[in-house]
Amino acid sequence: MLKLALPKGRSLDEAIALFARAGVDLSPVKDGSRRLIFDLPKAELRVLVVRDADVPTYVEYGAADLGVAGRDVLEEQGRDLYEPLDLGIGRCRLCVAEPADEPADKNGGARAQLRYATKFPNLTRRHLESRGIVADVIKLYGSIELGPLTGLADRIVDLVSSGETLRQHRLREVETILDVSARLVVNRASLKLRRAPIDALLARLRAVV
């Protein structure tokens, strides 16, 4: 069986629905249990359910042959993976945001060095460098919106879907760094050794994306 790594959370539901449209039944993965490994003989798949940020690691090191990972995670980590297909699910955007009533440049020019709070320090630094901006980048693991509210940071870089969370915390978008969707990623060795079943699955997914 091919080993497929899927991310927990909302993207898992979208991935299961997409695979169903391609004729691959992953519904047993949502059986309500706490299991993290599911053998699906009919689909000829062993499914691993892991944190979204861990999917590229499992695939790169061969613990999974392929996986579903967001563009944000892939570009943040820079793993050595083959990315044959944009699945078009998990759509959102990686944005810079700041307090609506305390813009960083409210006095006609930004402070000498702003602070940006984010879960994506590598993407944030590359973006700032491309703009010629010198800033402190603070890595957080959750509740990024608290950064400006507590004085920890002047701006945040975070994923935005509807923008409702930003509005609730009186934050406004400044610019978009990256449009994000989930990609199918494949281990490079697996692509050579298990080419036929991987190509067959890719063909099914391409037909419905």
Protein backbone atom coordinates (compact mmCIF):
# COMPACT_ATOMS: atom_id res chain seq x y z
CA MET A 1 0.00 0.00 0.00
CA LEU A 2 1.07 3.56 -0.62
CA LYS A 3 1.55 5.56 2.56
CA LEU A 4 -0.32 8.89 2.52
CA ALA A 5 0.19 11.61 5.15
CA LEU A 6 -2.83 13.86 5.72
CA PRO A 7 -3.03 16.97 7.93
CA LYS A 8 -5.36 17.20 10.89
CA GLY A 9 -8.08 19.87 11.02
CA ARG A 10 -10.19 21.49 8.34
CA SER A 11 -7.86 20.41 5.54
CA LEU A 12 -8.47 16.76 6.45
CA ASP A 13 -12.19 17.08 5.71
CA GLU A 14 -11.48 18.85 2.41
CA ALA A 15 -8.91 16.24 1.41
CA ILE A 16 -11.29 13.37 2.16
CA ALA A 17 -13.98 15.04 0.04
CA LEU A 18 -11.55 15.61 -2.83
CA PHE A 19 -10.30 12.02 -2.79
CA ALA A 20 -13.92 10.83 -2.72
CA ARG A 21 -14.61 12.76 -5.94
CA ALA A 22 -11.61 10.96 -7.41
CA GLY A 23 -13.11 7.60 -6.42
CA VAL A 24 -10.82 7.01 -3.45
CA ASP A 25 -12.74 6.35 -0.23
CA LEU A 26 -10.92 7.74 2.82
CA SER A 27 -14.05 8.00 4.98
CA PRO A 28 -12.82 5.43 7.57
CA VAL A 29 -10.23 8.04 8.61
CA LYS A 30 -13.11 10.02 10.17
CA ASP A 31 -14.34 7.20 12.39
CA GLY A 32 -14.28 9.30 15.55
CA SER A 33 -11.42 7.37 17.11
CA ARG A 34 -8.06 8.69 18.23
CA ARG A 35 -6.18 6.44 15.83
CA LEU A 36 -3.51 8.08 13.71
CA ILE A 37 -2.81 5.21 11.28
CA PHE A 38 -5.50 3.73 9.05
CA ASP A 39 -5.02 0.77 6.71
CA LEU A 40 -7.46 1.06 3.79
CA PRO A 41 -7.07 -2.09 1.64
CA LYS A 42 -9.75 -1.09 -0.85
CA ALA A 43 -7.99 2.17 -1.58
CA GLU A 44 -4.58 0.46 -1.39
CA LEU A 45 -3.47 3.15 1.06
CA ARG A 46 -2.11 3.41 4.58
CA VAL A 47 -3.13 6.85 5.86
CA LEU A 48 -1.16 8.71 8.54
CA VAL A 49 -2.97 11.63 10.21
CA VAL A 50 -0.40 14.14 11.49
CA ARG A 51 -0.01 17.85 12.24
CA ASP A 52 0.01 19.93 9.08
CA ALA A 53 3.54 21.19 9.76
CA ASP A 54 4.77 17.58 10.05
CA VAL A 55 3.45 16.31 6.70
CA PRO A 56 6.53 17.44 4.69
CA THR A 57 8.87 15.81 7.22
CA TYR A 58 7.10 12.43 7.01
CA VAL A 59 7.20 12.56 3.22
CA GLU A 60 10.78 13.80 2.82
CA TYR A 61 12.17 11.08 5.10
CA GLY A 62 10.12 8.31 3.49
CA ALA A 63 7.76 7.52 6.38
CA ALA A 64 5.06 8.44 3.86
CA ASP A 65 5.24 8.15 0.07
CA LEU A 66 3.07 11.18 -0.47
CA GLY A 67 1.09 13.74 1.47
CA VAL A 68 -1.12 16.80 1.44
CA ALA A 69 0.54 20.02 2.62
CA GLY A 70 -0.18 23.73 2.38
CA ARG A 71 1.99 25.99 0.25
CA ASP A 72 2.70 28.07 3.36
CA VAL A 73 4.21 25.09 5.20
CA LEU A 74 6.18 23.95 2.15
CA GLU A 75 7.71 27.35 1.47
CA GLU A 76 8.43 27.96 5.15
CA GLN A 77 10.29 24.64 5.50
CA GLY A 78 11.88 24.34 2.07
CA ARG A 79 11.81 20.53 2.03
CA ASP A 80 13.20 18.49 -0.88
CA LEU A 81 9.91 17.18 -2.28
CA TYR A 82 8.24 16.72 -5.63
CA GLU A 83 5.07 18.85 -5.90
CA PRO A 84 3.12 17.55 -8.90
CA LEU A 85 -0.34 18.94 -8.16
CA ASP A 86 -2.09 21.92 -6.60
CA LEU A 87 -5.19 20.36 -5.06
CA GLY A 88 -7.04 23.67 -4.78
CA ILE A 89 -8.22 22.99 -1.22
CA GLY A 90 -7.40 24.80 2.02
CA ARG A 91 -7.41 28.15 0.25
CA CYS A 92 -6.34 31.18 2.26
CA ARG A 93 -3.62 33.83 2.14
CA LEU A 94 -0.58 34.74 4.19
CA CYS A 95 -0.92 38.41 5.12
CA VAL A 96 0.74 41.20 7.02
CA ALA A 97 -1.68 42.87 9.45
CA GLU A 98 -1.51 45.62 12.06
CA PRO A 99 -3.84 47.35 14.55
CA ALA A 100 -6.44 49.37 12.66
CA ASP A 101 -6.14 52.29 15.10
CA GLU A 102 -2.34 52.04 15.58
CA PRO A 103 -0.74 51.74 12.13
CA ALA A 104 3.01 51.33 12.19
CA ASP A 105 3.53 54.39 9.97
CA LYS A 106 0.95 56.65 11.63
CA ASN A 107 3.56 59.34 12.30
CA GLY A 108 4.64 59.56 8.70
CA GLY A 109 7.31 56.91 8.91
CA ALA A 110 7.84 53.56 10.56
CA ARG A 111 10.01 53.23 13.62
CA ALA A 112 13.64 52.35 13.02
CA GLN A 113 12.91 48.66 13.57
CA LEU A 114 9.43 47.16 13.75
CA ARG A 115 8.60 43.83 15.33
CA TYR A 116 6.65 41.17 13.43
CA ALA A 117 5.06 38.21 15.24
CA THR A 118 4.41 35.08 13.18
CA LYS A 119 4.38 31.29 12.90
CA PHE A 120 6.30 31.71 9.64
CA PRO A 121 9.65 33.36 10.43
CA ASN A 122 11.43 32.22 7.26
CA LEU A 123 8.71 33.43 4.91
CA THR A 124 8.43 36.67 6.88
CA ARG A 125 12.16 37.37 6.76
CA ARG A 126 12.32 36.69 3.03
CA HIS A 127 9.39 39.01 2.43
CA LEU A 128 10.88 41.80 4.53
CA GLU A 129 14.29 41.41 2.88
CA SER A 130 12.67 41.66 -0.56
CA ARG A 131 11.18 44.99 0.55
CA GLY A 132 14.45 46.20 2.05
CA ILE A 133 12.85 46.32 5.51
CA VAL A 134 14.94 45.71 8.63
CA ALA A 135 12.76 44.30 11.41
CA ASP A 136 12.71 41.91 14.35
CA VAL A 137 10.83 38.68 13.62
CA ILE A 138 9.34 36.94 16.66
CA LYS A 139 8.22 33.34 16.30
CA LEU A 140 4.98 32.37 18.04
CA TYR A 141 3.14 29.04 18.01
CA GLY A 142 -0.42 30.25 18.49
CA SER A 143 -2.71 33.26 19.04
CA ILE A 144 -0.67 35.48 16.73
CA GLU A 145 -3.33 38.21 17.03
CA LEU A 146 -2.27 38.78 20.64
CA GLY A 147 1.09 40.15 19.49
CA PRO A 148 -0.02 43.73 18.73
CA LEU A 149 -2.68 43.70 21.46
CA THR A 150 -0.09 43.09 24.18
CA GLY A 151 2.68 45.28 22.77
CA LEU A 152 4.81 42.28 21.83
CA ALA A 153 4.79 43.21 18.15
CA ASP A 154 3.83 46.06 15.82
CA ARG A 155 2.55 43.77 13.07
CA ILE A 156 1.75 40.12 12.50
CA VAL A 157 2.13 37.75 9.58
CA ASP A 158 -0.57 35.10 9.64
CA LEU A 159 -2.96 33.05 7.54
CA VAL A 160 -6.23 34.77 6.70
CA SER A 161 -9.34 33.21 5.21
CA SER A 162 -12.44 35.35 5.68
CA GLY A 163 -10.68 38.04 7.72
CA GLU A 164 -13.21 37.74 10.54
CA THR A 165 -10.58 36.90 13.16
CA LEU A 166 -8.62 40.02 12.25
CA ARG A 167 -11.74 42.17 12.49
CA GLN A 168 -12.61 40.76 15.91
CA HIS A 169 -9.18 41.82 17.15
CA ARG A 170 -9.34 45.23 15.42
CA LEU A 171 -6.56 44.36 13.00
CA ARG A 172 -6.40 45.32 9.33
CA GLU A 173 -4.58 43.70 6.42
CA VAL A 174 -1.61 45.63 5.09
CA GLU A 175 -0.53 43.35 2.25
CA THR A 176 -0.64 39.76 1.02
CA ILE A 177 2.61 37.82 0.97
CA LEU A 178 1.35 34.55 -0.47
CA ASP A 179 -1.82 32.94 -1.80
CA VAL A 180 -2.07 29.53 -0.18
CA SER A 181 -3.64 26.22 -1.16
CA ALA A 182 -2.80 22.59 -0.43
CA ARG A 183 -0.43 20.63 -2.66
CA LEU A 184 0.11 16.95 -3.20
CA VAL A 185 3.75 16.25 -2.34
CA VAL A 186 5.69 13.10 -3.16
CA ASN A 187 8.88 11.57 -1.79
CA ARG A 188 11.48 11.63 -4.57
CA ALA A 189 12.66 8.06 -3.97
CA SER A 190 9.07 6.78 -3.87
CA LEU A 191 8.39 8.47 -7.19
CA LYS A 192 11.08 6.30 -8.78
CA LEU A 193 10.38 3.06 -6.92
CA ARG A 194 6.56 3.19 -6.88
CA ARG A 195 5.91 5.20 -10.01
CA ALA A 196 2.94 3.21 -11.33
CA PRO A 197 0.60 3.45 -8.28
CA ILE A 198 1.60 7.08 -7.64
CA ASP A 199 0.92 8.05 -11.27
CA ALA A 200 -2.44 6.23 -11.12
CA LEU A 201 -3.48 8.18 -8.03
CA LEU A 202 -2.25 11.44 -9.55
CA ALA A 203 -4.31 10.82 -12.68
CA ARG A 204 -7.47 10.30 -10.59
CA LEU A 205 -6.87 13.50 -8.62
CA ARG A 206 -6.00 15.57 -11.69
CA ALA A 207 -9.31 14.56 -13.24
CA VAL A 208 -11.28 16.21 -10.42
CA VAL A 209 -9.11 19.19 -9.44
